[in-house]
Protein backbone atom coordinates (compact mmCIF):
# COMPACT_ATOMS: atom_id res chain seq x y z
CA MET A 1 0.20 0.22 -0.80
CA ALA A 2 2.87 2.21 0.60
CA GLN A 3 4.17 1.86 -3.03
CA ARG A 4 1.70 2.93 -4.40
CA ILE A 5 0.87 6.28 -2.37
CA ASN A 6 4.58 6.56 -3.35
CA LYS A 7 4.17 6.30 -7.09
CA LYS A 8 1.52 8.10 -7.23
CA ARG A 9 3.17 11.40 -5.36
CA TRP A 10 6.69 10.77 -8.09
CA LEU A 11 3.95 10.92 -10.48
CA MET A 12 2.47 13.99 -9.58
CA LEU A 13 5.90 15.28 -8.78
CA GLY A 14 6.99 14.72 -12.07
CA ALA A 15 3.92 15.99 -13.68
CA VAL A 16 3.37 19.69 -11.93
CA ALA A 17 7.64 19.67 -12.45
CA THR A 18 7.35 18.94 -15.94
CA ALA A 19 3.64 21.63 -16.11
CA LEU A 20 5.87 24.24 -14.95
CA LEU A 21 8.88 23.77 -17.76
CA LEU A 22 6.10 23.84 -20.48
CA ILE A 23 4.32 27.43 -19.42
CA PRO A 24 5.76 29.46 -20.75
CA ARG A 25 6.87 33.05 -18.59
CA ARG A 26 6.03 35.57 -19.46
CA SER A 27 7.38 38.31 -16.80
CA SER A 28 10.93 36.53 -18.18
CA GLN A 29 10.66 37.65 -21.65
CA ARG A 30 9.31 41.77 -20.54
CA ALA A 31 12.77 41.79 -19.18
CA ASP A 32 14.03 40.53 -22.02
CA SER A 33 12.75 42.02 -24.11
CA SER A 34 13.62 45.20 -22.08
CA LEU A 35 17.20 43.90 -22.42
CA GLN A 36 16.52 44.07 -25.32
CA ASN A 37 15.24 47.25 -26.14
CA ASP A 38 18.62 48.48 -24.09
CA THR A 39 21.29 47.32 -26.04
CA LYS A 40 19.55 48.74 -29.60
CA ASN A 41 19.11 52.08 -27.33
CA LYS A 42 22.74 51.76 -26.44
CA THR A 43 24.21 50.95 -30.17
CA ASN A 44 21.61 53.64 -31.61
CA ASN A 45 23.44 56.41 -29.53
CA ASN A 46 26.73 55.16 -29.79
CA SER A 47 26.16 55.39 -33.40
CA ASN A 48 24.77 59.05 -33.56
CA ALA A 49 27.35 60.72 -31.16
CA LYS A 50 30.60 59.26 -33.53
CA ASP A 51 29.01 61.28 -36.40
């Protein structure tokens, strides 16, 4: 009986872990896009300063 409960716990833990890996995190996408925008702005500012 204890083995069956243990299997269910591991199965649930695996399912939750898999779901967390598959669900996209929106906050990280926002952070990535803001970092890209900052990099583009710095590049544009540097090229404008040289002209």
